[in-house]
Amino acid sequence: MTYYKFIASRLSLLSSRVLECYKKIAEYEANGLTQAIPDAINEARKIIAEEKQIYDELKEDTRLVKEINDYLFPQGELFLPDELEFIKRQYENDLILIRVGRRLSNILLSTPFEEDEIEAFNNLNPDDFPDDMSDLADTLQELNDRSEDIEEAFSEEAQLIMAIEDDIIRTILVMLNNYMQNEDNADIKAVLAKLKAYLALIYPDIEKYLLDNNFAAPSFLVWNSYITGNSQASPSINIKSVINDYIVDIISNQLDAYYDAIDETEADIKKVKIAFTEIVLRSCMIFFTDKEIEAIRKLSEEDLNELAIEPDINASLNEVFKNRKVDSTLPYILNLDPTFFS
């Protein structure tokens, strides 16, 4: 077997074992067997230690990391809105791969350009291009002159993306926890606990927090990143646009998910689909001002009117918009450290 396939298979197997531990924890949590959770956490930590050793070794060979990533995701990487849909639909085989892909991407995003990549910029020769490609040649010459600037810009963009994603997922986790504590959701608590386990499986920061806290989600929301906090305090056009791009895509996906729920014939499955869609939408709304929310409503007016015909969806949408002001008080700690990028 080709080496990168062997490593991909090994990491996928370890991820599947971690998932089994987390599903066990979810079952304990749903049935009030919290005293059994520490043993399952210890079991998961042992597997994660094996994983970590492999990922640490991979940091020394980013070419191999790219080969594994391309092998697992031949159609290209998945983005946060897609990942949330896999969670909602409980596609566990895909979630196992996403766990691996997330950790491989983190290596690539946090690793400086390799020397040969920098050298490739420096070796670009505009004279090698035909006359009708002179614009491209000029662009490549500019890249040649700015290779180190490009690496720095790439690093900052990567930090920006990871920080925003972390705060979005952290928000969803807290909102999900609120729903799990609500007696009205007692009949779907077991599934909600499993969805929380999926969040731990995929997202490293969420996994660390839950493992360190006996798998208890926080009852309050802390936004750790300067990015999210500063966008609320004094919005930067660049920061705000990245947040908006992410969250508007998620909102669009969730409206589509409501349509999918309408066609669901199984009442229990339908309730879970609506509940998680509602959780994600309420989480997204926290990131917007009243004026921006009104713009989103107008932009989505046709969909909202169609969805409101279905009583269950209408009630869910009312929860999303009615609770926005209360939800917006959740993130009461914002890190405004201006040295985030220094």
C-alpha atoms as a PDB file:
ATOM      1  CA  MET A   1       0.000   0.000   0.000  1.00  0.00           C
ATOM      2  CA  THR A   2       1.220   3.510  -0.836  1.00  0.00           C
ATOM      3  CA  TYR A   3       2.530   5.181   2.325  1.00  0.00           C
ATOM      4  CA  TYR A   4       0.108   8.134   2.299  1.00  0.00           C
ATOM      5  CA  LYS A   5      -2.809   5.697   1.965  1.00  0.00           C
ATOM      6  CA  PHE A   6      -1.501   3.722   4.922  1.00  0.00           C
ATOM      7  CA  ILE A   7      -1.302   6.863   7.085  1.00  0.00           C
ATOM      8  CA  ALA A   8      -4.767   7.983   5.930  1.00  0.00           C
ATOM      9  CA  SER A   9      -6.175   4.574   6.847  1.00  0.00           C
ATOM     10  CA  ARG A  10      -4.441   4.618  10.244  1.00  0.00           C
ATOM     11  CA  LEU A  11      -5.744   8.102  11.102  1.00  0.00           C
ATOM     12  CA  SER A  12      -9.273   7.203   9.962  1.00  0.00           C
ATOM     13  CA  LEU A  13      -9.232   4.070  12.130  1.00  0.00           C
ATOM     14  CA  LEU A  14      -8.095   6.040  15.183  1.00  0.00           C
ATOM     15  CA  SER A  15     -10.789   8.655  14.512  1.00  0.00           C
ATOM     16  CA  SER A  16     -13.458   5.964  14.368  1.00  0.00           C
ATOM     17  CA  ARG A  17     -12.297   4.667  17.751  1.00  0.00           C
ATOM     18  CA  VAL A  18     -12.484   8.173  19.211  1.00  0.00           C
ATOM     19  CA  LEU A  19     -16.011   8.496  17.815  1.00  0.00           C
ATOM     20  CA  GLU A  20     -17.083   5.293  19.565  1.00  0.00           C
ATOM     21  CA  CYS A  21     -15.819   6.714  22.871  1.00  0.00           C
ATOM     22  CA  TYR A  22     -17.737   9.958  22.315  1.00  0.00           C
ATOM     23  CA  LYS A  23     -20.942   8.131  21.378  1.00  0.00           C
ATOM     24  CA  LYS A  24     -20.582   6.134  24.582  1.00  0.00           C
ATOM     25  CA  ILE A  25     -20.220   9.406  26.524  1.00  0.00           C
ATOM     26  CA  ALA A  26     -23.294  10.825  24.772  1.00  0.00           C
ATOM     27  CA  GLU A  27     -25.296   7.773  25.812  1.00  0.00           C
ATOM     28  CA  TYR A  28     -24.127   8.112  29.417  1.00  0.00           C
ATOM     29  CA  GLU A  29     -25.010  11.806  29.427  1.00  0.00           C
ATOM     30  CA  ALA A  30     -28.479  11.246  27.981  1.00  0.00           C
ATOM     31  CA  ASN A  31     -29.219   8.616  30.636  1.00  0.00           C
ATOM     32  CA  GLY A  32     -27.782  10.540  33.589  1.00  0.00           C
ATOM     33  CA  LEU A  33     -24.838   8.152  34.047  1.00  0.00           C
ATOM     34  CA  THR A  34     -22.261  10.902  34.509  1.00  0.00           C
ATOM     35  CA  GLN A  35     -20.166   8.744  36.855  1.00  0.00           C
ATOM     36  CA  ALA A  36     -19.253   6.516  33.882  1.00  0.00           C
ATOM     37  CA  ILE A  37     -18.010   9.394  31.709  1.00  0.00           C
ATOM     38  CA  PRO A  38     -14.438   9.726  33.137  1.00  0.00           C
ATOM     39  CA  ASP A  39     -13.517   6.165  32.122  1.00  0.00           C
ATOM     40  CA  ALA A  40     -14.669   6.791  28.552  1.00  0.00           C
ATOM     41  CA  ILE A  41     -12.732  10.085  28.505  1.00  0.00           C
ATOM     42  CA  ASN A  42      -9.568   8.291  29.625  1.00  0.00           C
ATOM     43  CA  GLU A  43     -10.072   5.734  26.879  1.00  0.00           C
ATOM     44  CA  ALA A  44     -10.454   8.530  24.321  1.00  0.00           C
ATOM     45  CA  ARG A  45      -7.338  10.325  25.580  1.00  0.00           C
ATOM     46  CA  LYS A  46      -5.202   7.212  24.993  1.00  0.00           C
ATOM     47  CA  ILE A  47      -6.362   7.016  21.379  1.00  0.00           C
ATOM     48  CA  ILE A  48      -5.856  10.756  20.887  1.00  0.00           C
ATOM     49  CA  ALA A  49      -2.281  10.382  22.187  1.00  0.00           C
ATOM     50  CA  GLU A  50      -1.640   7.866  19.389  1.00  0.00           C
ATOM     51  CA  GLU A  51      -3.141  10.291  16.885  1.00  0.00           C
ATOM     52  CA  LYS A  52      -1.072  13.189  18.195  1.00  0.00           C
ATOM     53  CA  GLN A  53       2.153  11.285  17.712  1.00  0.00           C
ATOM     54  CA  ILE A  54       1.297  10.764  14.037  1.00  0.00           C
ATOM     55  CA  TYR A  55       0.243  14.381  13.501  1.00  0.00           C
ATOM     56  CA  ASP A  56       3.391  15.635  15.230  1.00  0.00           C
ATOM     57  CA  GLU A  57       5.512  13.559  12.855  1.00  0.00           C
ATOM     58  CA  LEU A  58       3.509  14.827   9.877  1.00  0.00           C
ATOM     59  CA  LYS A  59       4.428  18.415  10.768  1.00  0.00           C
ATOM     60  CA  GLU A  60       7.900  17.581   9.492  1.00  0.00           C
ATOM     61  CA  ASP A  61       6.600  16.550   6.049  1.00  0.00           C
ATOM     62  CA  THR A  62       3.905  18.876   4.706  1.00  0.00           C
ATOM     63  CA  ARG A  63       4.137  17.269   1.271  1.00  0.00           C
ATOM     64  CA  LEU A  64       2.915  14.017   2.795  1.00  0.00           C
ATOM     65  CA  VAL A  65       0.165  15.946   4.605  1.00  0.00           C
ATOM     66  CA  LYS A  66      -1.019  17.337   1.258  1.00  0.00           C
ATOM     67  CA  GLU A  67      -0.955  13.869  -0.315  1.00  0.00           C
ATOM     68  CA  ILE A  68      -3.110  12.454   2.492  1.00  0.00           C
ATOM     69  CA  ASN A  69      -5.484  15.406   2.344  1.00  0.00           C
ATOM     70  CA  ASP A  70      -5.889  15.135  -1.436  1.00  0.00           C
ATOM     71  CA  TYR A  71      -6.471  11.392  -1.129  1.00  0.00           C
ATOM     72  CA  LEU A  72      -9.210  11.793   1.502  1.00  0.00           C
ATOM     73  CA  PHE A  73     -10.847  14.793  -0.200  1.00  0.00           C
ATOM     74  CA  PRO A  74     -10.371  14.393  -3.976  1.00  0.00           C
ATOM     75  CA  GLN A  75     -13.211  16.875  -4.620  1.00  0.00           C
ATOM     76  CA  GLY A  76     -11.548  19.535  -2.471  1.00  0.00           C
ATOM     77  CA  GLU A  77     -11.818  20.533   1.163  1.00  0.00           C
ATOM     78  CA  LEU A  78     -15.125  20.909   2.975  1.00  0.00           C
ATOM     79  CA  PHE A  79     -16.158  24.171   4.563  1.00  0.00           C
ATOM     80  CA  LEU A  80     -17.891  24.901   7.847  1.00  0.00           C
ATOM     81  CA  PRO A  81     -21.471  25.112   6.449  1.00  0.00           C
ATOM     82  CA  ASP A  82     -21.024  21.669   4.839  1.00  0.00           C
ATOM     83  CA  GLU A  83     -19.583  20.193   8.040  1.00  0.00           C
ATOM     84  CA  LEU A  84     -22.609  21.365  10.022  1.00  0.00           C
ATOM     85  CA  GLU A  85     -24.895  19.578   7.573  1.00  0.00           C
ATOM     86  CA  PHE A  86     -22.953  16.326   7.979  1.00  0.00           C
ATOM     87  CA  ILE A  87     -23.347  16.697  11.746  1.00  0.00           C
ATOM     88  CA  LYS A  88     -27.080  17.295  11.493  1.00  0.00           C
ATOM     89  CA  ARG A  89     -27.567  14.303   9.195  1.00  0.00           C
ATOM     90  CA  GLN A  90     -25.350  12.127  11.439  1.00  0.00           C
ATOM     91  CA  TYR A  91     -23.187  10.907   8.553  1.00  0.00           C
ATOM     92  CA  GLU A  92     -20.590   9.286  10.770  1.00  0.00           C
ATOM     93  CA  ASN A  93     -18.267   7.947   8.059  1.00  0.00           C
ATOM     94  CA  ASP A  94     -17.949  11.447   6.671  1.00  0.00           C
ATOM     95  CA  LEU A  95     -17.469  12.933  10.145  1.00  0.00           C
ATOM     96  CA  ILE A  96     -14.543  10.570  10.737  1.00  0.00           C
ATOM     97  CA  LEU A  97     -12.870  11.843   7.561  1.00  0.00           C
ATOM     98  CA  ILE A  98     -13.647  15.448   8.489  1.00  0.00           C
ATOM     99  CA  ARG A  99     -11.870  14.950  11.821  1.00  0.00           C
ATOM    100  CA  VAL A 100      -8.740  13.874   9.980  1.00  0.00           C
ATOM    101  CA  GLY A 101      -9.090  16.609   7.374  1.00  0.00           C
ATOM    102  CA  ARG A 102      -9.476  19.316  10.021  1.00  0.00           C
ATOM    103  CA  ARG A 103      -6.261  18.291  11.734  1.00  0.00           C
ATOM    104  CA  LEU A 104      -4.344  18.017   8.465  1.00  0.00           C
ATOM    105  CA  SER A 105      -5.582  21.483   7.454  1.00  0.00           C
ATOM    106  CA  ASN A 106      -4.471  22.906  10.793  1.00  0.00           C
ATOM    107  CA  ILE A 107      -0.957  21.605  10.096  1.00  0.00           C
ATOM    108  CA  LEU A 108      -0.920  23.181   6.641  1.00  0.00           C
ATOM    109  CA  LEU A 109      -2.372  26.490   7.833  1.00  0.00           C
ATOM    110  CA  SER A 110       0.042  26.806  10.721  1.00  0.00           C
ATOM    111  CA  THR A 111       3.179  25.721   8.837  1.00  0.00           C
ATOM    112  CA  PRO A 112       5.315  28.369   7.115  1.00  0.00           C
ATOM    113  CA  PHE A 113       5.858  28.037   3.386  1.00  0.00           C
ATOM    114  CA  GLU A 114       8.550  25.514   2.579  1.00  0.00           C
ATOM    115  CA  GLU A 115      11.827  26.797   1.151  1.00  0.00           C
ATOM    116  CA  ASP A 116      11.089  25.404  -2.295  1.00  0.00           C
ATOM    117  CA  GLU A 117       7.712  27.172  -2.338  1.00  0.00           C
ATOM    118  CA  ILE A 118       9.400  30.498  -1.569  1.00  0.00           C
ATOM    119  CA  GLU A 119      12.066  29.660  -4.144  1.00  0.00           C
ATOM    120  CA  ALA A 120       9.354  28.968  -6.721  1.00  0.00           C
ATOM    121  CA  PHE A 121       8.180  32.552  -6.370  1.00  0.00           C
ATOM    122  CA  ASN A 122      11.730  33.817  -6.692  1.00  0.00           C
ATOM    123  CA  ASN A 123      12.395  31.744  -9.813  1.00  0.00           C
ATOM    124  CA  LEU A 124       9.372  32.975 -11.779  1.00  0.00           C
ATOM    125  CA  ASN A 125      10.571  34.610 -14.978  1.00  0.00           C
ATOM    126  CA  PRO A 126       8.126  36.923 -16.822  1.00  0.00           C
ATOM    127  CA  ASP A 127      10.131  36.486 -20.046  1.00  0.00           C
ATOM    128  CA  ASP A 128       9.037  32.837 -20.173  1.00  0.00           C
ATOM    129  CA  PHE A 129       5.426  33.842 -20.942  1.00  0.00           C
ATOM    130  CA  PRO A 130       3.987  34.698 -24.380  1.00  0.00           C
ATOM    131  CA  ASP A 131       3.195  38.333 -25.202  1.00  0.00           C
ATOM    132  CA  ASP A 132      -0.555  37.756 -24.870  1.00  0.00           C
ATOM    133  CA  MET A 133       0.062  36.713 -21.240  1.00  0.00           C
ATOM    134  CA  SER A 134       2.004  39.819 -20.310  1.00  0.00           C
ATOM    135  CA  ASP A 135      -0.500  40.736 -17.572  1.00  0.00           C
ATOM    136  CA  LEU A 136       0.035  37.359 -15.931  1.00  0.00           C
ATOM    137  CA  ALA A 137       3.789  37.775 -16.304  1.00  0.00           C
ATOM    138  CA  ASP A 138       3.626  41.154 -14.553  1.00  0.00           C
ATOM    139  CA  THR A 139       1.565  39.638 -11.768  1.00  0.00           C
ATOM    140  CA  LEU A 140       4.043  36.807 -11.322  1.00  0.00           C
ATOM    141  CA  GLN A 141       6.912  39.277 -11.211  1.00  0.00           C
ATOM    142  CA  GLU A 142       5.078  41.128  -8.459  1.00  0.00           C
ATOM    143  CA  LEU A 143       4.630  37.848  -6.580  1.00  0.00           C
ATOM    144  CA  ASN A 144       8.326  37.179  -7.054  1.00  0.00           C
ATOM    145  CA  ASP A 145       9.162  40.482  -5.405  1.00  0.00           C
ATOM    146  CA  ARG A 146       6.746  39.966  -2.538  1.00  0.00           C
ATOM    147  CA  SER A 147       7.105  36.259  -1.667  1.00  0.00           C
ATOM    148  CA  GLU A 148       7.794  36.900   2.030  1.00  0.00           C
ATOM    149  CA  ASP A 149       4.918  39.384   2.225  1.00  0.00           C
ATOM    150  CA  ILE A 150       2.659  36.745   0.696  1.00  0.00           C
ATOM    151  CA  GLU A 151       3.671  34.209   3.333  1.00  0.00           C
ATOM    152  CA  GLU A 152       2.921  36.693   6.109  1.00  0.00           C
ATOM    153  CA  ALA A 153      -0.442  37.607   4.561  1.00  0.00           C
ATOM    154  CA  PHE A 154      -1.298  33.903   4.201  1.00  0.00           C
ATOM    155  CA  SER A 155      -0.469  33.312   7.857  1.00  0.00           C
ATOM    156  CA  GLU A 156      -2.656  36.202   9.012  1.00  0.00           C
ATOM    157  CA  GLU A 157      -5.548  35.093   6.802  1.00  0.00           C
ATOM    158  CA  ALA A 158      -5.250  31.557   8.196  1.00  0.00           C
ATOM    159  CA  GLN A 159      -5.352  32.876  11.770  1.00  0.00           C
ATOM    160  CA  LEU A 160      -8.367  34.986  10.889  1.00  0.00           C
ATOM    161  CA  ILE A 161     -10.288  32.041   9.461  1.00  0.00           C
ATOM    162  CA  MET A 162      -9.434  29.670  12.328  1.00  0.00           C
ATOM    163  CA  ALA A 163     -10.362  32.282  14.955  1.00  0.00           C
ATOM    164  CA  ILE A 164     -13.735  33.022  13.364  1.00  0.00           C
ATOM    165  CA  GLU A 165     -14.580  29.342  12.919  1.00  0.00           C
ATOM    166  CA  ASP A 166     -13.665  28.631  16.523  1.00  0.00           C
ATOM    167  CA  ASP A 167     -16.013  31.327  17.822  1.00  0.00           C
ATOM    168  CA  ILE A 168     -18.871  30.178  15.572  1.00  0.00           C
ATOM    169  CA  ILE A 169     -18.534  26.575  16.758  1.00  0.00           C
ATOM    170  CA  ARG A 170     -18.144  27.690  20.375  1.00  0.00           C
ATOM    171  CA  THR A 171     -21.410  29.629  20.026  1.00  0.00           C
ATOM    172  CA  ILE A 172     -23.215  26.595  18.581  1.00  0.00           C
ATOM    173  CA  LEU A 173     -21.921  24.414  21.435  1.00  0.00           C
ATOM    174  CA  VAL A 174     -23.296  26.757  24.104  1.00  0.00           C
ATOM    175  CA  MET A 175     -26.630  27.075  22.301  1.00  0.00           C
ATOM    176  CA  LEU A 176     -26.833  23.283  21.914  1.00  0.00           C
ATOM    177  CA  ASN A 177     -26.160  22.890  25.623  1.00  0.00           C
ATOM    178  CA  ASN A 178     -29.065  25.261  26.388  1.00  0.00           C
ATOM    179  CA  TYR A 179     -31.384  23.111  24.287  1.00  0.00           C
ATOM    180  CA  MET A 180     -30.209  19.938  26.025  1.00  0.00           C
ATOM    181  CA  GLN A 181     -31.084  21.464  29.404  1.00  0.00           C
ATOM    182  CA  ASN A 182     -34.603  22.397  28.233  1.00  0.00           C
ATOM    183  CA  GLU A 183     -37.208  19.882  29.415  1.00  0.00           C
ATOM    184  CA  ASP A 184     -39.197  20.464  26.219  1.00  0.00           C
ATOM    185  CA  ASN A 185     -36.418  18.644  24.381  1.00  0.00           C
ATOM    186  CA  ALA A 186     -36.231  15.659  26.734  1.00  0.00           C
ATOM    187  CA  ASP A 187     -37.471  13.318  23.998  1.00  0.00           C
ATOM    188  CA  ILE A 188     -34.556  14.227  21.702  1.00  0.00           C
ATOM    189  CA  LYS A 189     -31.879  14.755  24.358  1.00  0.00           C
ATOM    190  CA  ALA A 190     -30.087  11.542  23.363  1.00  0.00           C
ATOM    191  CA  VAL A 191     -29.687  12.771  19.775  1.00  0.00           C
ATOM    192  CA  LEU A 192     -28.651  16.271  20.890  1.00  0.00           C
ATOM    193  CA  ALA A 193     -25.986  14.682  23.114  1.00  0.00           C
ATOM    194  CA  LYS A 194     -24.730  12.766  20.093  1.00  0.00           C
ATOM    195  CA  LEU A 195     -24.568  15.985  18.058  1.00  0.00           C
ATOM    196  CA  LYS A 196     -22.441  17.493  20.817  1.00  0.00           C
ATOM    197  CA  ALA A 197     -20.171  14.444  20.588  1.00  0.00           C
ATOM    198  CA  TYR A 198     -19.807  15.101  16.848  1.00  0.00           C
ATOM    199  CA  LEU A 199     -18.709  18.681  17.555  1.00  0.00           C
ATOM    200  CA  ALA A 200     -16.032  17.298  19.880  1.00  0.00           C
ATOM    201  CA  LEU A 201     -14.978  14.768  17.263  1.00  0.00           C
ATOM    202  CA  ILE A 202     -14.361  17.371  14.562  1.00  0.00           C
ATOM    203  CA  TYR A 203     -13.210  20.577  16.239  1.00  0.00           C
ATOM    204  CA  PRO A 204      -9.971  20.382  18.280  1.00  0.00           C
ATOM    205  CA  ASP A 205     -10.646  23.316  20.640  1.00  0.00           C
ATOM    206  CA  ILE A 206     -14.132  22.040  21.455  1.00  0.00           C
ATOM    207  CA  GLU A 207     -12.723  18.549  21.996  1.00  0.00           C
ATOM    208  CA  LYS A 208     -10.091  19.834  24.428  1.00  0.00           C
ATOM    209  CA  TYR A 209     -12.622  21.880  26.402  1.00  0.00           C
ATOM    210  CA  LEU A 210     -15.089  18.993  26.748  1.00  0.00           C
ATOM    211  CA  LEU A 211     -12.428  16.435  27.667  1.00  0.00           C
ATOM    212  CA  ASP A 212     -11.027  18.789  30.315  1.00  0.00           C
ATOM    213  CA  ASN A 213     -14.509  19.399  31.779  1.00  0.00           C
ATOM    214  CA  ASN A 214     -15.951  15.891  31.991  1.00  0.00           C
ATOM    215  CA  PHE A 215     -17.766  16.562  28.712  1.00  0.00           C
ATOM    216  CA  ALA A 216     -19.896  19.310  30.281  1.00  0.00           C
ATOM    217  CA  ALA A 217     -20.481  22.153  27.832  1.00  0.00           C
ATOM    218  CA  PRO A 218     -20.180  25.708  29.174  1.00  0.00           C
ATOM    219  CA  SER A 219     -23.409  27.416  30.226  1.00  0.00           C
ATOM    220  CA  PHE A 220     -21.960  30.782  29.170  1.00  0.00           C
ATOM    221  CA  LEU A 221     -20.285  31.934  25.986  1.00  0.00           C
ATOM    222  CA  VAL A 222     -16.739  33.240  25.804  1.00  0.00           C
ATOM    223  CA  TRP A 223     -15.445  34.496  22.494  1.00  0.00           C
ATOM    224  CA  ASN A 224     -11.706  33.997  22.731  1.00  0.00           C
ATOM    225  CA  SER A 225     -10.558  35.644  19.552  1.00  0.00           C
ATOM    226  CA  TYR A 226      -9.628  39.235  19.011  1.00  0.00           C
ATOM    227  CA  ILE A 227     -11.222  38.818  15.596  1.00  0.00           C
ATOM    228  CA  THR A 228     -14.810  38.293  16.712  1.00  0.00           C
ATOM    229  CA  GLY A 229     -14.631  40.582  19.698  1.00  0.00           C
ATOM    230  CA  ASN A 230     -13.094  43.456  17.799  1.00  0.00           C
ATOM    231  CA  SER A 231     -15.588  43.084  14.961  1.00  0.00           C
ATOM    232  CA  GLN A 232     -18.345  43.733  17.480  1.00  0.00           C
ATOM    233  CA  ALA A 233     -16.585  46.632  19.203  1.00  0.00           C
ATOM    234  CA  SER A 234     -15.205  48.514  16.192  1.00  0.00           C
ATOM    235  CA  PRO A 235     -15.834  46.615  12.963  1.00  0.00           C
ATOM    236  CA  SER A 236     -13.046  46.340  10.430  1.00  0.00           C
ATOM    237  CA  ILE A 237     -14.318  45.980   6.856  1.00  0.00           C
ATOM    238  CA  ASN A 238     -11.995  43.019   6.217  1.00  0.00           C
ATOM    239  CA  ILE A 239     -12.861  41.195   9.428  1.00  0.00           C
ATOM    240  CA  LYS A 240     -16.578  41.848   9.105  1.00  0.00           C
ATOM    241  CA  SER A 241     -16.648  40.666   5.499  1.00  0.00           C
ATOM    242  CA  VAL A 242     -15.028  37.329   6.389  1.00  0.00           C
ATOM    243  CA  ILE A 243     -17.466  36.794   9.265  1.00  0.00           C
ATOM    244  CA  ASN A 244     -20.396  37.717   7.035  1.00  0.00           C
ATOM    245  CA  ASP A 245     -19.262  35.411   4.232  1.00  0.00           C
ATOM    246  CA  TYR A 246     -19.097  32.480   6.628  1.00  0.00           C
ATOM    247  CA  ILE A 247     -22.322  33.129   8.465  1.00  0.00           C
ATOM    248  CA  VAL A 248     -24.447  34.173   5.497  1.00  0.00           C
ATOM    249  CA  ASP A 249     -23.466  30.872   3.844  1.00  0.00           C
ATOM    250  CA  ILE A 250     -24.468  28.998   7.000  1.00  0.00           C
ATOM    251  CA  ILE A 251     -27.812  30.824   7.191  1.00  0.00           C
ATOM    252  CA  SER A 252     -28.525  30.025   3.551  1.00  0.00           C
ATOM    253  CA  ASN A 253     -27.763  26.340   4.212  1.00  0.00           C
ATOM    254  CA  GLN A 254     -30.050  26.301   7.250  1.00  0.00           C
ATOM    255  CA  LEU A 255     -32.987  27.738   5.297  1.00  0.00           C
ATOM    256  CA  ASP A 256     -32.469  24.922   2.788  1.00  0.00           C
ATOM    257  CA  ALA A 257     -32.389  22.529   5.745  1.00  0.00           C
ATOM    258  CA  TYR A 258     -35.827  23.742   6.852  1.00  0.00           C
ATOM    259  CA  TYR A 259     -37.165  22.789   3.423  1.00  0.00           C
ATOM    260  CA  ASP A 260     -35.589  19.368   3.880  1.00  0.00           C
ATOM    261  CA  ALA A 261     -37.296  19.019   7.282  1.00  0.00           C
ATOM    262  CA  ILE A 262     -40.692  19.744   5.729  1.00  0.00           C
ATOM    263  CA  ASP A 263     -40.341  16.614   3.579  1.00  0.00           C
ATOM    264  CA  GLU A 264     -39.328  14.443   6.564  1.00  0.00           C
ATOM    265  CA  THR A 265     -42.058  11.887   7.375  1.00  0.00           C
ATOM    266  CA  GLU A 266     -40.614  10.562  10.673  1.00  0.00           C
ATOM    267  CA  ALA A 267     -41.764  12.903  13.470  1.00  0.00           C
ATOM    268  CA  ASP A 268     -38.732  12.291  15.732  1.00  0.00           C
ATOM    269  CA  ILE A 269     -36.222  12.825  12.944  1.00  0.00           C
ATOM    270  CA  LYS A 270     -38.094  15.928  11.825  1.00  0.00           C
ATOM    271  CA  LYS A 271     -37.948  17.401  15.326  1.00  0.00           C
ATOM    272  CA  VAL A 272     -34.183  16.838  15.535  1.00  0.00           C
ATOM    273  CA  LYS A 273     -33.595  18.400  12.111  1.00  0.00           C
ATOM    274  CA  ILE A 274     -35.648  21.454  13.048  1.00  0.00           C
ATOM    275  CA  ALA A 275     -34.021  21.743  16.479  1.00  0.00           C
ATOM    276  CA  PHE A 276     -30.446  21.669  15.193  1.00  0.00           C
ATOM    277  CA  THR A 277     -31.292  24.042  12.337  1.00  0.00           C
ATOM    278  CA  GLU A 278     -32.812  26.399  14.915  1.00  0.00           C
ATOM    279  CA  ILE A 279     -29.729  26.089  17.136  1.00  0.00           C
ATOM    280  CA  VAL A 280     -27.377  26.978  14.280  1.00  0.00           C
ATOM    281  CA  LEU A 281     -29.538  29.873  13.099  1.00  0.00           C
ATOM    282  CA  ARG A 282     -29.839  31.358  16.598  1.00  0.00           C
ATOM    283  CA  SER A 283     -26.074  31.028  16.972  1.00  0.00           C
ATOM    284  CA  CYS A 284     -25.506  32.869  13.694  1.00  0.00           C
ATOM    285  CA  MET A 285     -27.851  35.716  14.583  1.00  0.00           C
ATOM    286  CA  ILE A 286     -25.667  36.705  17.542  1.00  0.00           C
ATOM    287  CA  PHE A 287     -22.970  37.915  15.168  1.00  0.00           C
ATOM    288  CA  PHE A 288     -25.174  40.552  13.509  1.00  0.00           C
ATOM    289  CA  THR A 289     -26.550  43.957  14.453  1.00  0.00           C
ATOM    290  CA  ASP A 290     -30.289  44.758  14.338  1.00  0.00           C
ATOM    291  CA  LYS A 291     -29.797  46.563  11.034  1.00  0.00           C
ATOM    292  CA  GLU A 292     -27.975  43.594   9.517  1.00  0.00           C
ATOM    293  CA  ILE A 293     -30.643  41.178  10.750  1.00  0.00           C
ATOM    294  CA  GLU A 294     -33.322  43.269   9.067  1.00  0.00           C
ATOM    295  CA  ALA A 295     -31.325  43.169   5.824  1.00  0.00           C
ATOM    296  CA  ILE A 296     -31.084  39.365   6.103  1.00  0.00           C
ATOM    297  CA  ARG A 297     -34.835  39.110   6.664  1.00  0.00           C
ATOM    298  CA  LYS A 298     -35.532  41.169   3.550  1.00  0.00           C
ATOM    299  CA  LEU A 299     -33.026  39.197   1.515  1.00  0.00           C
ATOM    300  CA  SER A 300     -34.644  35.904   2.619  1.00  0.00           C
ATOM    301  CA  GLU A 301     -38.230  37.172   2.655  1.00  0.00           C
ATOM    302  CA  GLU A 302     -39.504  34.840  -0.062  1.00  0.00           C
ATOM    303  CA  ASP A 303     -38.049  31.741   1.644  1.00  0.00           C
ATOM    304  CA  LEU A 304     -39.254  32.835   5.076  1.00  0.00           C
ATOM    305  CA  ASN A 305     -42.807  33.340   3.811  1.00  0.00           C
ATOM    306  CA  GLU A 306     -42.845  29.903   2.181  1.00  0.00           C
ATOM    307  CA  LEU A 307     -41.413  28.199   5.238  1.00  0.00           C
ATOM    308  CA  ALA A 308     -43.880  29.939   7.570  1.00  0.00           C
ATOM    309  CA  ILE A 309     -46.726  27.942   5.998  1.00  0.00           C
ATOM    310  CA  GLU A 310     -45.447  24.846   7.843  1.00  0.00           C
ATOM    311  CA  PRO A 311     -46.504  25.279  11.524  1.00  0.00           C
ATOM    312  CA  ASP A 312     -43.425  23.583  13.033  1.00  0.00           C
ATOM    313  CA  ILE A 313     -41.041  25.624  10.886  1.00  0.00           C
ATOM    314  CA  ASN A 314     -42.956  28.823  11.585  1.00  0.00           C
ATOM    315  CA  ALA A 315     -42.674  28.212  15.337  1.00  0.00           C
ATOM    316  CA  SER A 316     -38.960  27.545  14.968  1.00  0.00           C
ATOM    317  CA  LEU A 317     -38.362  30.716  12.960  1.00  0.00           C
ATOM    318  CA  ASN A 318     -40.246  32.695  15.611  1.00  0.00           C
ATOM    319  CA  GLU A 319     -37.843  31.295  18.218  1.00  0.00           C
ATOM    320  CA  VAL A 320     -34.868  32.358  16.086  1.00  0.00           C
ATOM    321  CA  PHE A 321     -35.925  35.969  15.614  1.00  0.00           C
ATOM    322  CA  LYS A 322     -37.800  36.473  18.894  1.00  0.00           C
ATOM    323  CA  ASN A 323     -34.828  35.423  21.026  1.00  0.00           C
ATOM    324  CA  ARG A 324     -32.113  37.284  19.147  1.00  0.00           C
ATOM    325  CA  LYS A 325     -31.766  40.139  21.630  1.00  0.00           C
ATOM    326  CA  VAL A 326     -31.592  37.739  24.577  1.00  0.00           C
ATOM    327  CA  ASP A 327     -29.143  35.478  22.726  1.00  0.00           C
ATOM    328  CA  SER A 328     -26.939  38.487  21.955  1.00  0.00           C
ATOM    329  CA  THR A 329     -26.206  38.894  25.663  1.00  0.00           C
ATOM    330  CA  LEU A 330     -24.536  35.444  25.789  1.00  0.00           C
ATOM    331  CA  PRO A 331     -21.024  36.432  24.638  1.00  0.00           C
ATOM    332  CA  TYR A 332     -20.215  38.643  27.590  1.00  0.00           C
ATOM    333  CA  ILE A 333     -16.430  38.197  27.413  1.00  0.00           C
ATOM    334  CA  LEU A 334     -14.729  39.598  24.318  1.00  0.00           C
ATOM    335  CA  ASN A 335     -10.977  39.488  23.841  1.00  0.00           C
ATOM    336  CA  LEU A 336     -10.061  42.870  22.377  1.00  0.00           C
ATOM    337  CA  ASP A 337      -6.297  42.373  22.568  1.00  0.00           C
ATOM    338  CA  PRO A 338      -4.911  44.578  19.765  1.00  0.00           C
ATOM    339  CA  THR A 339      -1.710  42.514  19.629  1.00  0.00           C
ATOM    340  CA  PHE A 340      -3.501  39.534  18.049  1.00  0.00           C
ATOM    341  CA  PHE A 341      -1.629  40.002  14.773  1.00  0.00           C
ATOM    342  CA  SER A 342       1.587  41.499  16.127  1.00  0.00           C
END
